[in-house]
PDB file of all heavy atoms in Angstrom:
ATOM      1  N   ALA A   1       5.146  -8.440  -5.622  1.00  0.00           N
ATOM      2  CA  ALA A   1       4.321  -9.300  -4.770  1.00  0.00           C
ATOM      3  C   ALA A   1       4.215 -10.700  -5.352  1.00  0.00           C
ATOM      4  O   ALA A   1       4.214 -10.883  -6.578  1.00  0.00           O
ATOM      5  CB  ALA A   1       2.928  -8.700  -4.629  1.00  0.00           C
ATOM      6  N   SER A   2       4.125 -11.667  -4.473  1.00  0.00           N
ATOM      7  CA  SER A   2       3.875 -13.043  -4.880  1.00  0.00           C
ATOM      8  C   SER A   2       3.011 -13.708  -3.824  1.00  0.00           C
ATOM      9  O   SER A   2       2.968 -13.275  -2.667  1.00  0.00           O
ATOM     10  CB  SER A   2       5.179 -13.819  -5.072  1.00  0.00           C
ATOM     11  OG  SER A   2       5.927 -13.831  -3.878  1.00  0.00           O
ATOM     12  N   GLY A   3       2.275 -14.743  -4.249  1.00  0.00           N
ATOM     13  CA  GLY A   3       1.441 -15.486  -3.308  1.00  0.00           C
ATOM     14  C   GLY A   3       0.082 -14.883  -3.062  1.00  0.00           C
ATOM     15  O   GLY A   3      -0.643 -15.328  -2.161  1.00  0.00           O
ATOM     16  N   ILE A   4      -0.287 -13.844  -3.821  1.00  0.00           N
ATOM     17  CA  ILE A   4      -1.593 -13.216  -3.699  1.00  0.00           C
ATOM     18  C   ILE A   4      -2.183 -13.026  -5.083  1.00  0.00           C
ATOM     19  O   ILE A   4      -1.469 -13.044  -6.082  1.00  0.00           O
ATOM     20  CB  ILE A   4      -1.516 -11.842  -2.989  1.00  0.00           C
ATOM     21  CG1 ILE A   4      -0.609 -10.860  -3.761  1.00  0.00           C
ATOM     22  CG2 ILE A   4      -1.045 -12.003  -1.556  1.00  0.00           C
ATOM     23  CD1 ILE A   4      -0.583  -9.458  -3.180  1.00  0.00           C
ATOM     24  N   ARG A   5      -3.510 -12.866  -5.121  1.00  0.00           N
ATOM     25  CA  ARG A   5      -4.171 -12.550  -6.393  1.00  0.00           C
ATOM     26  C   ARG A   5      -4.057 -11.046  -6.605  1.00  0.00           C
ATOM     27  O   ARG A   5      -4.978 -10.280  -6.350  1.00  0.00           O
ATOM     28  CB  ARG A   5      -5.608 -13.022  -6.361  1.00  0.00           C
ATOM     29  CG  ARG A   5      -5.740 -14.532  -6.212  1.00  0.00           C
ATOM     30  CD  ARG A   5      -7.174 -14.983  -6.282  1.00  0.00           C
ATOM     31  NE  ARG A   5      -7.732 -14.819  -7.629  1.00  0.00           N
ATOM     32  CZ  ARG A   5      -9.004 -15.038  -7.937  1.00  0.00           C
ATOM     33  NH1 ARG A   5      -9.857 -15.408  -7.000  1.00  0.00           N
ATOM     34  NH2 ARG A   5      -9.435 -14.881  -9.164  1.00  0.00           N
ATOM     35  N   PHE A   6      -2.916 -10.665  -7.091  1.00  0.00           N
ATOM     36  CA  PHE A   6      -2.474  -9.279  -7.047  1.00  0.00           C
ATOM     37  C   PHE A   6      -3.494  -8.317  -7.629  1.00  0.00           C
ATOM     38  O   PHE A   6      -3.753  -7.267  -7.052  1.00  0.00           O
ATOM     39  CB  PHE A   6      -1.139  -9.142  -7.784  1.00  0.00           C
ATOM     40  CG  PHE A   6      -0.555  -7.771  -7.723  1.00  0.00           C
ATOM     41  CD1 PHE A   6       0.131  -7.346  -6.593  1.00  0.00           C
ATOM     42  CD2 PHE A   6      -0.673  -6.898  -8.796  1.00  0.00           C
ATOM     43  CE1 PHE A   6       0.680  -6.069  -6.524  1.00  0.00           C
ATOM     44  CE2 PHE A   6      -0.125  -5.633  -8.750  1.00  0.00           C
ATOM     45  CZ  PHE A   6       0.553  -5.211  -7.606  1.00  0.00           C
ATOM     46  N   SER A   7      -4.091  -8.651  -8.744  1.00  0.00           N
ATOM     47  CA  SER A   7      -4.970  -7.695  -9.423  1.00  0.00           C
ATOM     48  C   SER A   7      -6.247  -7.411  -8.629  1.00  0.00           C
ATOM     49  O   SER A   7      -6.964  -6.465  -8.942  1.00  0.00           O
ATOM     50  CB  SER A   7      -5.322  -8.193 -10.820  1.00  0.00           C
ATOM     51  OG  SER A   7      -6.007  -9.426 -10.741  1.00  0.00           O
ATOM     52  N   PHE A   8      -6.507  -8.213  -7.604  1.00  0.00           N
ATOM     53  CA  PHE A   8      -7.689  -8.013  -6.783  1.00  0.00           C
ATOM     54  C   PHE A   8      -7.384  -7.279  -5.474  1.00  0.00           C
ATOM     55  O   PHE A   8      -8.294  -7.002  -4.698  1.00  0.00           O
ATOM     56  CB  PHE A   8      -8.331  -9.362  -6.438  1.00  0.00           C
ATOM     57  CG  PHE A   8      -8.942 -10.052  -7.612  1.00  0.00           C
ATOM     58  CD1 PHE A   8      -8.180 -10.913  -8.388  1.00  0.00           C
ATOM     59  CD2 PHE A   8     -10.257  -9.847  -7.947  1.00  0.00           C
ATOM     60  CE1 PHE A   8      -8.734 -11.556  -9.487  1.00  0.00           C
ATOM     61  CE2 PHE A   8     -10.826 -10.484  -9.030  1.00  0.00           C
ATOM     62  CZ  PHE A   8     -10.064 -11.348  -9.799  1.00  0.00           C
ATOM     63  N   VAL A   9      -6.125  -6.973  -5.250  1.00  0.00           N
ATOM     64  CA  VAL A   9      -5.679  -6.537  -3.934  1.00  0.00           C
ATOM     65  C   VAL A   9      -5.393  -5.045  -3.899  1.00  0.00           C
ATOM     66  O   VAL A   9      -4.700  -4.525  -4.787  1.00  0.00           O
ATOM     67  CB  VAL A   9      -4.414  -7.321  -3.514  1.00  0.00           C
ATOM     68  CG1 VAL A   9      -3.904  -6.841  -2.157  1.00  0.00           C
ATOM     69  CG2 VAL A   9      -4.723  -8.802  -3.459  1.00  0.00           C
ATOM     70  N   ILE A  10      -5.911  -4.358  -2.872  1.00  0.00           N
ATOM     71  CA  ILE A  10      -5.509  -2.979  -2.627  1.00  0.00           C
ATOM     72  C   ILE A  10      -4.076  -2.992  -2.113  1.00  0.00           C
ATOM     73  O   ILE A  10      -3.751  -3.720  -1.171  1.00  0.00           O
ATOM     74  CB  ILE A  10      -6.442  -2.297  -1.608  1.00  0.00           C
ATOM     75  CG1 ILE A  10      -7.846  -2.126  -2.211  1.00  0.00           C
ATOM     76  CG2 ILE A  10      -5.883  -0.960  -1.154  1.00  0.00           C
ATOM     77  CD1 ILE A  10      -8.873  -1.601  -1.225  1.00  0.00           C
ATOM     78  N   MET A  11      -3.245  -2.170  -2.713  1.00  0.00           N
ATOM     79  CA  MET A  11      -1.845  -2.056  -2.309  1.00  0.00           C
ATOM     80  C   MET A  11      -1.587  -0.666  -1.753  1.00  0.00           C
ATOM     81  O   MET A  11      -2.131   0.327  -2.258  1.00  0.00           O
ATOM     82  CB  MET A  11      -0.922  -2.311  -3.493  1.00  0.00           C
ATOM     83  CG  MET A  11      -1.064  -3.701  -4.107  1.00  0.00           C
ATOM     84  SD  MET A  11      -0.597  -5.021  -2.988  1.00  0.00           S
ATOM     85  CE  MET A  11       1.151  -4.667  -2.744  1.00  0.00           C
ATOM     86  N   ARG A  12      -0.779  -0.606  -0.731  1.00  0.00           N
ATOM     87  CA  ARG A  12      -0.481   0.670  -0.089  1.00  0.00           C
ATOM     88  C   ARG A  12       1.021   0.831   0.113  1.00  0.00           C
ATOM     89  O   ARG A  12       1.755  -0.148   0.218  1.00  0.00           O
ATOM     90  CB  ARG A  12      -1.157   0.757   1.281  1.00  0.00           C
ATOM     91  CG  ARG A  12      -2.666   0.669   1.237  1.00  0.00           C
ATOM     92  CD  ARG A  12      -3.258   0.972   2.607  1.00  0.00           C
ATOM     93  NE  ARG A  12      -4.717   0.934   2.563  1.00  0.00           N
ATOM     94  CZ  ARG A  12      -5.450   0.074   3.250  1.00  0.00           C
ATOM     95  NH1 ARG A  12      -4.886  -0.820   4.034  1.00  0.00           N
ATOM     96  NH2 ARG A  12      -6.758   0.102   3.152  1.00  0.00           N
ATOM     97  N   TRP A  13       1.440   2.073   0.167  1.00  0.00           N
ATOM     98  CA  TRP A  13       2.769   2.444   0.640  1.00  0.00           C
ATOM     99  C   TRP A  13       2.597   3.216   1.946  1.00  0.00           C
ATOM    100  O   TRP A  13       1.768   4.131   2.033  1.00  0.00           O
ATOM    101  CB  TRP A  13       3.506   3.316  -0.364  1.00  0.00           C
ATOM    102  CG  TRP A  13       4.013   2.581  -1.553  1.00  0.00           C
ATOM    103  CD1 TRP A  13       3.451   2.511  -2.795  1.00  0.00           C
ATOM    104  CD2 TRP A  13       5.231   1.816  -1.626  1.00  0.00           C
ATOM    105  NE1 TRP A  13       4.217   1.745  -3.631  1.00  0.00           N
ATOM    106  CE2 TRP A  13       5.329   1.312  -2.938  1.00  0.00           C
ATOM    107  CE3 TRP A  13       6.239   1.520  -0.716  1.00  0.00           C
ATOM    108  CZ2 TRP A  13       6.391   0.517  -3.359  1.00  0.00           C
ATOM    109  CZ3 TRP A  13       7.291   0.743  -1.138  1.00  0.00           C
ATOM    110  CH2 TRP A  13       7.366   0.243  -2.450  1.00  0.00           C
ATOM    111  N   TYR A  14       3.393   2.819   2.928  1.00  0.00           N
ATOM    112  CA  TYR A  14       3.492   3.519   4.193  1.00  0.00           C
ATOM    113  C   TYR A  14       4.944   3.961   4.364  1.00  0.00           C
ATOM    114  O   TYR A  14       5.848   3.463   3.688  1.00  0.00           O
ATOM    115  CB  TYR A  14       3.132   2.603   5.363  1.00  0.00           C
ATOM    116  CG  TYR A  14       1.679   2.261   5.505  1.00  0.00           C
ATOM    117  CD1 TYR A  14       1.103   1.259   4.732  1.00  0.00           C
ATOM    118  CD2 TYR A  14       0.873   2.923   6.429  1.00  0.00           C
ATOM    119  CE1 TYR A  14      -0.243   0.931   4.864  1.00  0.00           C
ATOM    120  CE2 TYR A  14      -0.471   2.597   6.580  1.00  0.00           C
ATOM    121  CZ  TYR A  14      -1.013   1.602   5.796  1.00  0.00           C
ATOM    122  OH  TYR A  14      -2.343   1.273   5.942  1.00  0.00           O
ATOM    123  N   ARG A  15       5.145   4.853   5.315  1.00  0.00           N
ATOM    124  CA  ARG A  15       6.517   5.208   5.678  1.00  0.00           C
ATOM    125  C   ARG A  15       6.592   5.434   7.176  1.00  0.00           C
ATOM    126  O   ARG A  15       5.603   5.787   7.818  1.00  0.00           O
ATOM    127  CB  ARG A  15       6.995   6.429   4.905  1.00  0.00           C
ATOM    128  CG  ARG A  15       6.355   7.745   5.322  1.00  0.00           C
ATOM    129  CD  ARG A  15       6.868   8.875   4.456  1.00  0.00           C
ATOM    130  NE  ARG A  15       6.387  10.168   4.898  1.00  0.00           N
ATOM    131  CZ  ARG A  15       6.640  11.313   4.269  1.00  0.00           C
ATOM    132  NH1 ARG A  15       7.373  11.320   3.155  1.00  0.00           N
ATOM    133  NH2 ARG A  15       6.172  12.446   4.742  1.00  0.00           N
ATOM    134  N   GLN A  16       7.799   5.237   7.689  1.00  0.00           N
ATOM    135  CA  GLN A  16       8.039   5.460   9.109  1.00  0.00           C
ATOM    136  C   GLN A  16       9.382   6.154   9.275  1.00  0.00           C
ATOM    137  O   GLN A  16      10.432   5.584   8.952  1.00  0.00           O
ATOM    138  CB  GLN A  16       8.014   4.155   9.901  1.00  0.00           C
ATOM    139  CG  GLN A  16       8.074   4.359  11.396  1.00  0.00           C
ATOM    140  CD  GLN A  16       7.702   3.109  12.167  1.00  0.00           C
ATOM    141  OE1 GLN A  16       7.708   2.000  11.651  1.00  0.00           O
ATOM    142  NE2 GLN A  16       7.336   3.285  13.440  1.00  0.00           N
ATOM    143  N   ALA A  17       9.309   7.374   9.760  1.00  0.00           N
ATOM    144  CA  ALA A  17      10.514   8.147  10.029  1.00  0.00           C
ATOM    145  C   ALA A  17      10.996   7.838  11.442  1.00  0.00           C
ATOM    146  O   ALA A  17      10.210   7.411  12.294  1.00  0.00           O
ATOM    147  CB  ALA A  17      10.221   9.635   9.880  1.00  0.00           C
ATOM    148  N   PRO A  18      12.265   8.065  11.708  1.00  0.00           N
ATOM    149  CA  PRO A  18      12.809   7.782  13.049  1.00  0.00           C
ATOM    150  C   PRO A  18      12.017   8.515  14.129  1.00  0.00           C
ATOM    151  O   PRO A  18      11.775   9.724  14.033  1.00  0.00           O
ATOM    152  CB  PRO A  18      14.238   8.301  12.966  1.00  0.00           C
ATOM    153  CG  PRO A  18      14.579   8.237  11.512  1.00  0.00           C
ATOM    154  CD  PRO A  18      13.309   8.549  10.788  1.00  0.00           C
ATOM    155  N   GLY A  19      11.592   7.772  15.134  1.00  0.00           N
ATOM    156  CA  GLY A  19      10.877   8.365  16.253  1.00  0.00           C
ATOM    157  C   GLY A  19       9.438   8.733  15.977  1.00  0.00           C
ATOM    158  O   GLY A  19       8.780   9.352  16.821  1.00  0.00           O
ATOM    159  N   LYS A  20       8.933   8.359  14.803  1.00  0.00           N
ATOM    160  CA  LYS A  20       7.554   8.708  14.444  1.00  0.00           C
ATOM    161  C   LYS A  20       6.739   7.450  14.148  1.00  0.00           C
ATOM    162  O   LYS A  20       7.291   6.380  13.903  1.00  0.00           O
ATOM    163  CB  LYS A  20       7.540   9.646  13.239  1.00  0.00           C
ATOM    164  CG  LYS A  20       8.176  10.994  13.501  1.00  0.00           C
ATOM    165  CD  LYS A  20       7.932  11.945  12.346  1.00  0.00           C
ATOM    166  CE  LYS A  20       8.488  13.320  12.647  1.00  0.00           C
ATOM    167  NZ  LYS A  20       8.241  14.270  11.529  1.00  0.00           N
ATOM    168  N   GLN A  21       5.427   7.626  14.161  1.00  0.00           N
ATOM    169  CA  GLN A  21       4.549   6.509  13.830  1.00  0.00           C
ATOM    170  C   GLN A  21       4.548   6.250  12.328  1.00  0.00           C
ATOM    171  O   GLN A  21       4.809   7.151  11.521  1.00  0.00           O
ATOM    172  CB  GLN A  21       3.119   6.829  14.291  1.00  0.00           C
ATOM    173  CG  GLN A  21       2.933   6.797  15.793  1.00  0.00           C
ATOM    174  CD  GLN A  21       1.475   6.910  16.197  1.00  0.00           C
ATOM    175  OE1 GLN A  21       0.676   7.546  15.504  1.00  0.00           O
ATOM    176  NE2 GLN A  21       1.109   6.298  17.307  1.00  0.00           N
ATOM    177  N   ARG A  22       4.243   5.025  11.985  1.00  0.00           N
ATOM    178  CA  ARG A  22       4.101   4.683  10.582  1.00  0.00           C
ATOM    179  C   ARG A  22       2.874   5.401  10.014  1.00  0.00           C
ATOM    180  O   ARG A  22       1.824   5.450  10.661  1.00  0.00           O
ATOM    181  CB  ARG A  22       3.947   3.166  10.428  1.00  0.00           C
ATOM    182  CG  ARG A  22       4.102   2.659   9.022  1.00  0.00           C
ATOM    183  CD  ARG A  22       4.189   1.146   8.988  1.00  0.00           C
ATOM    184  NE  ARG A  22       5.378   0.655   9.676  1.00  0.00           N
ATOM    185  CZ  ARG A  22       5.776  -0.621   9.647  1.00  0.00           C
ATOM    186  NH1 ARG A  22       5.066  -1.517   8.964  1.00  0.00           N
ATOM    187  NH2 ARG A  22       6.843  -1.000  10.300  1.00  0.00           N
ATOM    188  N   GLU A  23       3.025   5.972   8.818  1.00  0.00           N
ATOM    189  CA  GLU A  23       1.925   6.722   8.228  1.00  0.00           C
ATOM    190  C   GLU A  23       1.660   6.266   6.800  1.00  0.00           C
ATOM    191  O   GLU A  23       2.582   5.868   6.074  1.00  0.00           O
ATOM    192  CB  GLU A  23       2.211   8.231   8.249  1.00  0.00           C
ATOM    193  CG  GLU A  23       3.419   8.662   7.453  1.00  0.00           C
ATOM    194  CD  GLU A  23       3.610  10.170   7.419  1.00  0.00           C
ATOM    195  OE1 GLU A  23       2.663  10.922   7.721  1.00  0.00           O
ATOM    196  OE2 GLU A  23       4.736  10.609   7.062  1.00  0.00           O
ATOM    197  N   LEU A  24       0.404   6.370   6.411  1.00  0.00           N
ATOM    198  CA  LEU A  24       0.014   6.015   5.053  1.00  0.00           C
ATOM    199  C   LEU A  24       0.514   7.084   4.076  1.00  0.00           C
ATOM    200  O   LEU A  24       0.347   8.276   4.313  1.00  0.00           O
ATOM    201  CB  LEU A  24      -1.504   5.900   4.959  1.00  0.00           C
ATOM    202  CG  LEU A  24      -2.079   5.634   3.570  1.00  0.00           C
ATOM    203  CD1 LEU A  24      -1.676   4.258   3.066  1.00  0.00           C
ATOM    204  CD2 LEU A  24      -3.591   5.785   3.588  1.00  0.00           C
ATOM    205  N   VAL A  25       1.096   6.633   2.997  1.00  0.00           N
ATOM    206  CA  VAL A  25       1.518   7.538   1.926  1.00  0.00           C
ATOM    207  C   VAL A  25       0.463   7.560   0.824  1.00  0.00           C
ATOM    208  O   VAL A  25      -0.037   8.617   0.449  1.00  0.00           O
ATOM    209  CB  VAL A  25       2.877   7.111   1.349  1.00  0.00           C
ATOM    210  CG1 VAL A  25       3.256   7.988   0.165  1.00  0.00           C
ATOM    211  CG2 VAL A  25       3.956   7.144   2.428  1.00  0.00           C
ATOM    212  N   ALA A  26       0.128   6.371   0.326  1.00  0.00           N
ATOM    213  CA  ALA A  26      -0.802   6.288  -0.794  1.00  0.00           C
ATOM    214  C   ALA A  26      -1.316   4.865  -0.928  1.00  0.00           C
ATOM    215  O   ALA A  26      -0.700   3.932  -0.409  1.00  0.00           O
ATOM    216  CB  ALA A  26      -0.126   6.709  -2.102  1.00  0.00           C
ATOM    217  N   GLN A  27      -2.436   4.721  -1.626  1.00  0.00           N
ATOM    218  CA  GLN A  27      -2.933   3.390  -1.932  1.00  0.00           C
ATOM    219  C   GLN A  27      -3.496   3.364  -3.347  1.00  0.00           C
ATOM    220  O   GLN A  27      -3.837   4.408  -3.926  1.00  0.00           O
ATOM    221  CB  GLN A  27      -3.999   2.932  -0.945  1.00  0.00           C
ATOM    222  CG  GLN A  27      -5.379   3.508  -1.155  1.00  0.00           C
ATOM    223  CD  GLN A  27      -6.435   2.803  -0.311  1.00  0.00           C
ATOM    224  OE1 GLN A  27      -6.157   2.275   0.773  1.00  0.00           O
ATOM    225  NE2 GLN A  27      -7.669   2.785  -0.801  1.00  0.00           N
ATOM    226  N   VAL A  28      -3.547   2.153  -3.910  1.00  0.00           N
ATOM    227  CA  VAL A  28      -4.119   1.973  -5.238  1.00  0.00           C
ATOM    228  C   VAL A  28      -4.925   0.685  -5.234  1.00  0.00           C
ATOM    229  O   VAL A  28      -4.480  -0.344  -4.729  1.00  0.00           O
ATOM    230  CB  VAL A  28      -3.014   1.964  -6.327  1.00  0.00           C
ATOM    231  CG1 VAL A  28      -2.003   0.849  -6.110  1.00  0.00           C
ATOM    232  CG2 VAL A  28      -3.615   1.894  -7.720  1.00  0.00           C
ATOM    233  N   THR A  29      -6.125   0.754  -5.782  1.00  0.00           N
ATOM    234  CA  THR A  29      -6.962  -0.433  -5.881  1.00  0.00           C
ATOM    235  C   THR A  29      -6.521  -1.288  -7.065  1.00  0.00           C
ATOM    236  O   THR A  29      -5.708  -0.865  -7.897  1.00  0.00           O
ATOM    237  CB  THR A  29      -8.435  -0.068  -6.059  1.00  0.00           C
ATOM    238  OG1 THR A  29      -8.603   0.522  -7.364  1.00  0.00           O
ATOM    239  CG2 THR A  29      -8.910   0.898  -4.999  1.00  0.00           C
ATOM    240  N   GLY A  30      -7.088  -2.470  -7.143  1.00  0.00           N
ATOM    241  CA  GLY A  30      -6.763  -3.345  -8.259  1.00  0.00           C
ATOM    242  C   GLY A  30      -7.094  -2.718  -9.605  1.00  0.00           C
ATOM    243  O   GLY A  30      -6.417  -2.975 -10.601  1.00  0.00           O
ATOM    244  N   GLY A  31      -8.113  -1.871  -9.617  1.00  0.00           N
ATOM    245  CA  GLY A  31      -8.522  -1.203 -10.840  1.00  0.00           C
ATOM    246  C   GLY A  31      -7.814   0.102 -11.107  1.00  0.00           C
ATOM    247  O   GLY A  31      -8.090   0.763 -12.108  1.00  0.00           O
ATOM    248  N   GLY A  32      -6.915   0.477 -10.206  1.00  0.00           N
ATOM    249  CA  GLY A  32      -6.094   1.662 -10.432  1.00  0.00           C
ATOM    250  C   GLY A  32      -6.589   2.941  -9.793  1.00  0.00           C
ATOM    251  O   GLY A  32      -6.032   4.013 -10.059  1.00  0.00           O
ATOM    252  N   VAL A  33      -7.606   2.852  -8.950  1.00  0.00           N
ATOM    253  CA  VAL A  33      -8.071   4.057  -8.256  1.00  0.00           C
ATOM    254  C   VAL A  33      -7.093   4.373  -7.131  1.00  0.00           C
ATOM    255  O   VAL A  33      -6.732   3.497  -6.349  1.00  0.00           O
ATOM    256  CB  VAL A  33      -9.485   3.852  -7.699  1.00  0.00           C
ATOM    257  CG1 VAL A  33      -9.924   5.076  -6.903  1.00  0.00           C
ATOM    258  CG2 VAL A  33     -10.467   3.566  -8.830  1.00  0.00           C
ATOM    259  N   THR A  34      -6.686   5.615  -7.062  1.00  0.00           N
ATOM    260  CA  THR A  34      -5.641   5.994  -6.119  1.00  0.00           C
ATOM    261  C   THR A  34      -6.168   6.908  -5.012  1.00  0.00           C
ATOM    262  O   THR A  34      -7.179   7.596  -5.168  1.00  0.00           O
ATOM    263  CB  THR A  34      -4.496   6.721  -6.840  1.00  0.00           C
ATOM    264  OG1 THR A  34      -5.021   7.871  -7.512  1.00  0.00           O
ATOM    265  CG2 THR A  34      -3.825   5.812  -7.849  1.00  0.00           C
TER     266      THR A  34
END
């Protein structure tokens, strides 16, 4: 990531399979809570 105050930002991974809606996989807070 660039252009953000990364350590303050919740980050997430999503995925989208063919023909399906995008879904949340996981998230992590700036402090590492998952």
